[in-house]
PDB file of all heavy atoms in Angstrom:
ATOM      1  N   PRO A   1      11.342  -9.442  -2.299  1.00  0.00           N
ATOM      2  CA  PRO A   1      11.057  -8.890  -0.923  1.00  0.00           C
ATOM      3  C   PRO A   1       9.798  -9.620  -0.378  1.00  0.00           C
ATOM      4  O   PRO A   1       8.621  -9.109  -0.560  1.00  0.00           O
ATOM      5  CB  PRO A   1      10.865  -7.479  -1.154  1.00  0.00           C
ATOM      6  CG  PRO A   1      10.355  -7.340  -2.570  1.00  0.00           C
ATOM      7  CD  PRO A   1      10.949  -8.359  -3.282  1.00  0.00           C
ATOM      8  N   ARG A   2       9.953 -10.609   0.319  1.00  0.00           N
ATOM      9  CA  ARG A   2       8.752 -11.368   0.904  1.00  0.00           C
ATOM     10  C   ARG A   2       7.884 -10.575   1.678  1.00  0.00           C
ATOM     11  O   ARG A   2       6.644 -10.850   1.669  1.00  0.00           O
ATOM     12  CB  ARG A   2       9.392 -12.658   1.700  1.00  0.00           C
ATOM     13  CG  ARG A   2       8.305 -13.463   2.240  1.00  0.00           C
ATOM     14  CD  ARG A   2       9.028 -14.737   2.975  1.00  0.00           C
ATOM     15  NE  ARG A   2       8.152 -15.447   3.837  1.00  0.00           N
ATOM     16  CZ  ARG A   2       7.447 -16.450   3.418  1.00  0.00           C
ATOM     17  NH1 ARG A   2       7.465 -16.798   2.135  1.00  0.00           N
ATOM     18  NH2 ARG A   2       6.618 -17.241   4.220  1.00  0.00           N
ATOM     19  N   GLU A   3       8.361  -9.512   2.306  1.00  0.00           N
ATOM     20  CA  GLU A   3       7.554  -8.620   3.228  1.00  0.00           C
ATOM     21  C   GLU A   3       6.447  -7.982   2.402  1.00  0.00           C
ATOM     22  O   GLU A   3       5.431  -7.601   3.078  1.00  0.00           O
ATOM     23  CB  GLU A   3       8.343  -7.687   3.972  1.00  0.00           C
ATOM     24  CG  GLU A   3       9.243  -6.740   3.146  1.00  0.00           C
ATOM     25  CD  GLU A   3      10.724  -7.394   2.884  1.00  0.00           C
ATOM     26  OE1 GLU A   3      10.911  -8.567   3.004  1.00  0.00           O
ATOM     27  OE2 GLU A   3      11.625  -6.563   2.762  1.00  0.00           O
ATOM     28  N   PHE A   4       6.573  -7.728   1.141  1.00  0.00           N
ATOM     29  CA  PHE A   4       5.601  -7.223   0.300  1.00  0.00           C
ATOM     30  C   PHE A   4       4.314  -8.152   0.050  1.00  0.00           C
ATOM     31  O   PHE A   4       3.338  -7.727  -0.353  1.00  0.00           O
ATOM     32  CB  PHE A   4       6.213  -6.756  -1.042  1.00  0.00           C
ATOM     33  CG  PHE A   4       7.068  -5.546  -0.868  1.00  0.00           C
ATOM     34  CD1 PHE A   4       7.804  -5.120  -2.100  1.00  0.00           C
ATOM     35  CD2 PHE A   4       7.259  -4.766   0.279  1.00  0.00           C
ATOM     36  CE1 PHE A   4       8.767  -4.114  -1.767  1.00  0.00           C
ATOM     37  CE2 PHE A   4       8.123  -3.713   0.395  1.00  0.00           C
ATOM     38  CZ  PHE A   4       8.825  -3.435  -0.704  1.00  0.00           C
ATOM     39  N   PHE A   5       4.563  -9.493   0.409  1.00  0.00           N
ATOM     40  CA  PHE A   5       3.516 -10.358   0.165  1.00  0.00           C
ATOM     41  C   PHE A   5       2.780 -10.844   1.427  1.00  0.00           C
ATOM     42  O   PHE A   5       1.899 -11.591   1.547  1.00  0.00           O
ATOM     43  CB  PHE A   5       4.095 -11.547  -0.428  1.00  0.00           C
ATOM     44  CG  PHE A   5       4.701 -11.386  -1.779  1.00  0.00           C
ATOM     45  CD1 PHE A   5       6.091 -10.908  -1.964  1.00  0.00           C
ATOM     46  CD2 PHE A   5       4.070 -11.580  -3.063  1.00  0.00           C
ATOM     47  CE1 PHE A   5       6.653 -10.608  -3.161  1.00  0.00           C
ATOM     48  CE2 PHE A   5       4.634 -11.322  -4.288  1.00  0.00           C
ATOM     49  CZ  PHE A   5       5.959 -10.838  -4.331  1.00  0.00           C
ATOM     50  N   VAL A   6       3.148 -10.056   2.453  1.00  0.00           N
ATOM     51  CA  VAL A   6       2.641 -10.414   3.875  1.00  0.00           C
ATOM     52  C   VAL A   6       1.732  -9.232   4.273  1.00  0.00           C
ATOM     53  O   VAL A   6       1.986  -8.141   4.240  1.00  0.00           O
ATOM     54  CB  VAL A   6       3.776 -10.508   4.870  1.00  0.00           C
ATOM     55  CG1 VAL A   6       3.221 -10.854   6.159  1.00  0.00           C
ATOM     56  CG2 VAL A   6       4.824 -11.642   4.391  1.00  0.00           C
ATOM     57  N   PRO A   7       0.532  -9.726   4.857  1.00  0.00           N
ATOM     58  CA  PRO A   7      -0.335  -8.666   5.456  1.00  0.00           C
ATOM     59  C   PRO A   7       0.354  -7.962   6.451  1.00  0.00           C
ATOM     60  O   PRO A   7       1.174  -8.490   7.311  1.00  0.00           O
ATOM     61  CB  PRO A   7      -1.485  -9.588   6.012  1.00  0.00           C
ATOM     62  CG  PRO A   7      -1.469 -10.761   5.113  1.00  0.00           C
ATOM     63  CD  PRO A   7      -0.095 -11.070   4.860  1.00  0.00           C
ATOM     64  N   PRO A   8       0.266  -6.540   6.633  1.00  0.00           N
ATOM     65  CA  PRO A   8       1.021  -5.713   7.548  1.00  0.00           C
ATOM     66  C   PRO A   8       0.959  -6.267   9.015  1.00  0.00           C
ATOM     67  O   PRO A   8       1.995  -6.173   9.626  1.00  0.00           O
ATOM     68  CB  PRO A   8       0.178  -4.496   7.516  1.00  0.00           C
ATOM     69  CG  PRO A   8      -0.255  -4.451   6.094  1.00  0.00           C
ATOM     70  CD  PRO A   8      -0.844  -5.753   5.740  1.00  0.00           C
ATOM     71  N   ARG A   9      -0.211  -6.871   9.432  1.00  0.00           N
ATOM     72  CA  ARG A   9      -0.398  -7.278  10.880  1.00  0.00           C
ATOM     73  C   ARG A   9       0.590  -8.524  11.164  1.00  0.00           C
ATOM     74  O   ARG A   9       0.763  -8.910  12.432  1.00  0.00           O
ATOM     75  CB  ARG A   9      -1.709  -7.470  11.365  1.00  0.00           C
ATOM     76  CG  ARG A   9      -2.425  -8.696  10.673  1.00  0.00           C
ATOM     77  CD  ARG A   9      -3.856  -8.794  11.124  1.00  0.00           C
ATOM     78  NE  ARG A   9      -4.706  -9.892  10.639  1.00  0.00           N
ATOM     79  CZ  ARG A   9      -5.166  -9.931   9.384  1.00  0.00           C
ATOM     80  NH1 ARG A   9      -5.133  -8.808   8.679  1.00  0.00           N
ATOM     81  NH2 ARG A   9      -5.895 -10.988   9.055  1.00  0.00           N
ATOM     82  N   PHE A  10       0.999  -9.167  10.056  1.00  0.00           N
ATOM     83  CA  PHE A  10       1.895 -10.410  10.238  1.00  0.00           C
ATOM     84  C   PHE A  10       3.240 -10.147   9.801  1.00  0.00           C
ATOM     85  O   PHE A  10       4.018 -11.178   9.608  1.00  0.00           O
ATOM     86  CB  PHE A  10       1.208 -11.531   9.464  1.00  0.00           C
ATOM     87  CG  PHE A  10      -0.145 -12.009   9.913  1.00  0.00           C
ATOM     88  CD1 PHE A  10      -1.272 -11.937   9.249  1.00  0.00           C
ATOM     89  CD2 PHE A  10      -0.251 -12.494  11.229  1.00  0.00           C
ATOM     90  CE1 PHE A  10      -2.399 -12.340   9.572  1.00  0.00           C
ATOM     91  CE2 PHE A  10      -1.422 -12.873  11.739  1.00  0.00           C
ATOM     92  CZ  PHE A  10      -2.597 -12.779  10.885  1.00  0.00           C
ATOM     93  N   LEU A  11       3.755  -8.960   9.627  1.00  0.00           N
ATOM     94  CA  LEU A  11       5.131  -8.739   9.135  1.00  0.00           C
ATOM     95  C   LEU A  11       6.165  -9.275  10.083  1.00  0.00           C
ATOM     96  O   LEU A  11       7.269  -9.727   9.579  1.00  0.00           O
ATOM     97  CB  LEU A  11       5.321  -7.146   9.050  1.00  0.00           C
ATOM     98  CG  LEU A  11       4.770  -6.485   7.797  1.00  0.00           C
ATOM     99  CD1 LEU A  11       5.006  -5.033   7.902  1.00  0.00           C
ATOM    100  CD2 LEU A  11       5.474  -7.081   6.595  1.00  0.00           C
ATOM    101  N   HIS A  12       5.903  -9.375  11.405  1.00  0.00           N
ATOM    102  CA  HIS A  12       6.846 -10.033  12.260  1.00  0.00           C
ATOM    103  C   HIS A  12       7.040 -11.364  11.901  1.00  0.00           C
ATOM    104  O   HIS A  12       8.083 -12.125  12.459  1.00  0.00           O
ATOM    105  CB  HIS A  12       6.407  -9.783  13.752  1.00  0.00           C
ATOM    106  CG  HIS A  12       5.076 -10.560  14.017  1.00  0.00           C
ATOM    107  ND1 HIS A  12       3.899 -10.038  13.588  1.00  0.00           N
ATOM    108  CD2 HIS A  12       4.840 -11.703  14.699  1.00  0.00           C
ATOM    109  CE1 HIS A  12       2.897 -10.844  13.930  1.00  0.00           C
ATOM    110  NE2 HIS A  12       3.515 -11.831  14.724  1.00  0.00           N
ATOM    111  N   LEU A  13       6.237 -12.157  11.120  1.00  0.00           N
ATOM    112  CA  LEU A  13       6.431 -13.376  10.829  1.00  0.00           C
ATOM    113  C   LEU A  13       7.020 -13.725   9.509  1.00  0.00           C
ATOM    114  O   LEU A  13       7.260 -14.793   9.100  1.00  0.00           O
ATOM    115  CB  LEU A  13       4.899 -14.234  10.780  1.00  0.00           C
ATOM    116  CG  LEU A  13       4.269 -14.254  12.181  1.00  0.00           C
ATOM    117  CD1 LEU A  13       2.780 -14.903  11.912  1.00  0.00           C
ATOM    118  CD2 LEU A  13       5.064 -14.957  13.234  1.00  0.00           C
ATOM    119  N   THR A  14       7.483 -12.669   8.807  1.00  0.00           N
ATOM    120  CA  THR A  14       7.856 -12.765   7.390  1.00  0.00           C
ATOM    121  C   THR A  14       8.968 -13.773   7.313  1.00  0.00           C
ATOM    122  O   THR A  14       8.912 -14.564   6.265  1.00  0.00           O
ATOM    123  CB  THR A  14       8.248 -11.416   6.909  1.00  0.00           C
ATOM    124  OG1 THR A  14       7.292 -10.482   7.118  1.00  0.00           O
ATOM    125  CG2 THR A  14       8.758 -11.366   5.459  1.00  0.00           C
ATOM    126  N   TYR A  15       9.955 -13.787   8.076  1.00  0.00           N
ATOM    127  CA  TYR A  15      11.037 -14.684   7.950  1.00  0.00           C
ATOM    128  C   TYR A  15      11.148 -15.586   9.047  1.00  0.00           C
ATOM    129  O   TYR A  15      12.282 -15.897   9.643  1.00  0.00           O
ATOM    130  CB  TYR A  15      12.470 -13.732   7.717  1.00  0.00           C
ATOM    131  CG  TYR A  15      12.380 -13.071   6.616  1.00  0.00           C
ATOM    132  CD1 TYR A  15      12.189 -11.626   6.565  1.00  0.00           C
ATOM    133  CD2 TYR A  15      12.389 -13.611   5.236  1.00  0.00           C
ATOM    134  CE1 TYR A  15      12.209 -10.850   5.452  1.00  0.00           C
ATOM    135  CE2 TYR A  15      12.282 -12.849   4.083  1.00  0.00           C
ATOM    136  CZ  TYR A  15      12.246 -11.445   4.190  1.00  0.00           C
ATOM    137  OH  TYR A  15      12.124 -10.758   2.984  1.00  0.00           O
ATOM    138  N   LYS A  16      10.018 -16.083   9.468  1.00  0.00           N
ATOM    139  CA  LYS A  16       9.876 -17.185  10.488  1.00  0.00           C
ATOM    140  C   LYS A  16       9.518 -18.444   9.829  1.00  0.00           C
ATOM    141  O   LYS A  16       8.847 -18.400   8.846  1.00  0.00           O
ATOM    142  CB  LYS A  16       8.935 -16.769  11.659  1.00  0.00           C
ATOM    143  CG  LYS A  16       9.177 -15.479  12.275  1.00  0.00           C
ATOM    144  CD  LYS A  16      10.496 -15.487  13.144  1.00  0.00           C
ATOM    145  CE  LYS A  16      10.660 -14.249  13.880  1.00  0.00           C
ATOM    146  NZ  LYS A  16      11.963 -14.265  14.670  1.00  0.00           N
ATOM    147  N   PRO A  17       9.873 -19.576  10.539  1.00  0.00           N
ATOM    148  CA  PRO A  17       9.523 -20.878   9.838  1.00  0.00           C
ATOM    149  C   PRO A  17       8.142 -21.310  10.117  1.00  0.00           C
ATOM    150  O   PRO A  17       7.800 -22.135  10.880  1.00  0.00           O
ATOM    151  CB  PRO A  17      10.510 -21.805  10.508  1.00  0.00           C
ATOM    152  CG  PRO A  17      10.768 -21.290  11.831  1.00  0.00           C
ATOM    153  CD  PRO A  17      10.774 -19.875  11.535  1.00  0.00           C
ATOM    154  N   THR A  18       7.153 -20.503   9.504  1.00  0.00           N
ATOM    155  CA  THR A  18       5.605 -20.717   9.800  1.00  0.00           C
ATOM    156  C   THR A  18       4.957 -20.233   8.682  1.00  0.00           C
ATOM    157  O   THR A  18       5.413 -19.474   7.769  1.00  0.00           O
ATOM    158  CB  THR A  18       5.323 -19.991  11.001  1.00  0.00           C
ATOM    159  OG1 THR A  18       3.962 -20.266  11.264  1.00  0.00           O
ATOM    160  CG2 THR A  18       5.509 -18.498  10.854  1.00  0.00           C
ATOM    161  N   VAL A  19       3.719 -20.771   8.375  1.00  0.00           N
ATOM    162  CA  VAL A  19       2.893 -20.195   7.363  1.00  0.00           C
ATOM    163  C   VAL A  19       2.256 -18.968   7.920  1.00  0.00           C
ATOM    164  O   VAL A  19       2.264 -18.659   9.169  1.00  0.00           O
ATOM    165  CB  VAL A  19       1.755 -21.213   7.046  1.00  0.00           C
ATOM    166  CG1 VAL A  19       2.290 -22.455   6.440  1.00  0.00           C
ATOM    167  CG2 VAL A  19       0.969 -21.467   8.346  1.00  0.00           C
ATOM    168  N   ILE A  20       1.799 -18.022   7.065  1.00  0.00           N
ATOM    169  CA  ILE A  20       1.429 -16.671   7.256  1.00  0.00           C
ATOM    170  C   ILE A  20      -0.116 -16.638   6.746  1.00  0.00           C
ATOM    171  O   ILE A  20      -0.262 -16.735   5.489  1.00  0.00           O
ATOM    172  CB  ILE A  20       2.183 -15.678   6.815  1.00  0.00           C
ATOM    173  CG1 ILE A  20       3.515 -15.814   7.441  1.00  0.00           C
ATOM    174  CG2 ILE A  20       1.636 -14.260   7.102  1.00  0.00           C
ATOM    175  CD1 ILE A  20       4.650 -14.902   6.934  1.00  0.00           C
ATOM    176  N   PRO A  21      -1.085 -16.312   7.486  1.00  0.00           N
ATOM    177  CA  PRO A  21      -2.521 -16.128   6.925  1.00  0.00           C
ATOM    178  C   PRO A  21      -2.630 -14.888   5.926  1.00  0.00           C
ATOM    179  O   PRO A  21      -1.906 -13.900   6.222  1.00  0.00           O
ATOM    180  CB  PRO A  21      -3.302 -15.807   8.073  1.00  0.00           C
ATOM    181  CG  PRO A  21      -2.560 -16.365   9.248  1.00  0.00           C
ATOM    182  CD  PRO A  21      -1.086 -16.146   8.958  1.00  0.00           C
ATOM    183  N   ILE A  22      -3.151 -15.140   4.813  1.00  0.00           N
ATOM    184  CA  ILE A  22      -3.322 -13.999   3.849  1.00  0.00           C
ATOM    185  C   ILE A  22      -4.839 -13.677   3.668  1.00  0.00           C
ATOM    186  O   ILE A  22      -5.066 -13.091   2.583  1.00  0.00           O
ATOM    187  CB  ILE A  22      -2.559 -14.318   2.529  1.00  0.00           C
ATOM    188  CG1 ILE A  22      -3.035 -15.578   1.935  1.00  0.00           C
ATOM    189  CG2 ILE A  22      -1.001 -14.353   2.807  1.00  0.00           C
ATOM    190  CD1 ILE A  22      -2.444 -15.846   0.600  1.00  0.00           C
ATOM    191  N   GLY A  23      -5.710 -14.305   4.322  1.00  0.00           N
ATOM    192  CA  GLY A  23      -7.156 -14.130   4.162  1.00  0.00           C
ATOM    193  C   GLY A  23      -7.849 -15.128   3.316  1.00  0.00           C
ATOM    194  O   GLY A  23      -7.032 -16.096   2.529  1.00  0.00           O
ATOM    195  N   TYR A  24      -9.155 -15.216   3.459  1.00  0.00           N
ATOM    196  CA  TYR A  24      -9.893 -16.165   2.745  1.00  0.00           C
ATOM    197  C   TYR A  24      -9.521 -17.712   2.861  1.00  0.00           C
ATOM    198  O   TYR A  24      -9.716 -18.537   2.079  1.00  0.00           O
ATOM    199  CB  TYR A  24      -9.850 -15.916   1.351  1.00  0.00           C
ATOM    200  CG  TYR A  24     -10.272 -14.460   1.005  1.00  0.00           C
ATOM    201  CD1 TYR A  24      -9.244 -13.474   0.847  1.00  0.00           C
ATOM    202  CD2 TYR A  24     -11.702 -14.132   0.975  1.00  0.00           C
ATOM    203  CE1 TYR A  24      -9.456 -12.087   0.613  1.00  0.00           C
ATOM    204  CE2 TYR A  24     -11.909 -12.638   0.531  1.00  0.00           C
ATOM    205  CZ  TYR A  24     -10.858 -11.803   0.506  1.00  0.00           C
ATOM    206  OH  TYR A  24     -11.224 -10.566   0.191  1.00  0.00           O
ATOM    207  N   GLY A  25      -8.917 -17.945   4.263  1.00  0.00           N
ATOM    208  CA  GLY A  25      -8.720 -19.248   4.665  1.00  0.00           C
ATOM    209  C   GLY A  25      -7.354 -19.761   3.936  1.00  0.00           C
ATOM    210  O   GLY A  25      -6.974 -21.011   4.082  1.00  0.00           O
ATOM    211  N   GLN A  26      -6.643 -18.851   3.293  1.00  0.00           N
ATOM    212  CA  GLN A  26      -5.433 -19.286   2.529  1.00  0.00           C
ATOM    213  C   GLN A  26      -4.144 -18.663   3.354  1.00  0.00           C
ATOM    214  O   GLN A  26      -4.231 -17.894   4.222  1.00  0.00           O
ATOM    215  CB  GLN A  26      -5.340 -18.569   1.144  1.00  0.00           C
ATOM    216  CG  GLN A  26      -6.687 -19.052   0.362  1.00  0.00           C
ATOM    217  CD  GLN A  26      -6.746 -20.567   0.230  1.00  0.00           C
ATOM    218  OE1 GLN A  26      -5.803 -21.220  -0.138  1.00  0.00           O
ATOM    219  NE2 GLN A  26      -7.841 -21.119   0.477  1.00  0.00           N
ATOM    220  N   THR A  27      -3.095 -19.368   3.105  1.00  0.00           N
ATOM    221  CA  THR A  27      -1.734 -19.025   3.665  1.00  0.00           C
ATOM    222  C   THR A  27      -0.637 -18.756   2.744  1.00  0.00           C
ATOM    223  O   THR A  27      -0.762 -19.367   1.682  1.00  0.00           O
ATOM    224  CB  THR A  27      -1.369 -20.061   4.743  1.00  0.00           C
ATOM    225  OG1 THR A  27      -1.132 -21.309   4.154  1.00  0.00           O
ATOM    226  CG2 THR A  27      -2.448 -20.164   5.919  1.00  0.00           C
ATOM    227  N   LEU A  28       0.323 -18.043   3.232  1.00  0.00           N
ATOM    228  CA  LEU A  28       1.603 -17.870   2.521  1.00  0.00           C
ATOM    229  C   LEU A  28       2.580 -19.075   3.054  1.00  0.00           C
ATOM    230  O   LEU A  28       2.809 -18.971   4.286  1.00  0.00           O
ATOM    231  CB  LEU A  28       2.193 -16.541   2.734  1.00  0.00           C
ATOM    232  CG  LEU A  28       3.580 -16.197   2.264  1.00  0.00           C
ATOM    233  CD1 LEU A  28       3.772 -16.412   0.622  1.00  0.00           C
ATOM    234  CD2 LEU A  28       4.019 -14.854   2.521  1.00  0.00           C
TER     235      LEU A  28
END
């Protein structure tokens, strides 16, 4: 479940073709 690895405020991006910020300058 990819959504469990996504910060809550970015859940709308979970299954979009984009990187997702996860903090500390890093991305999913």
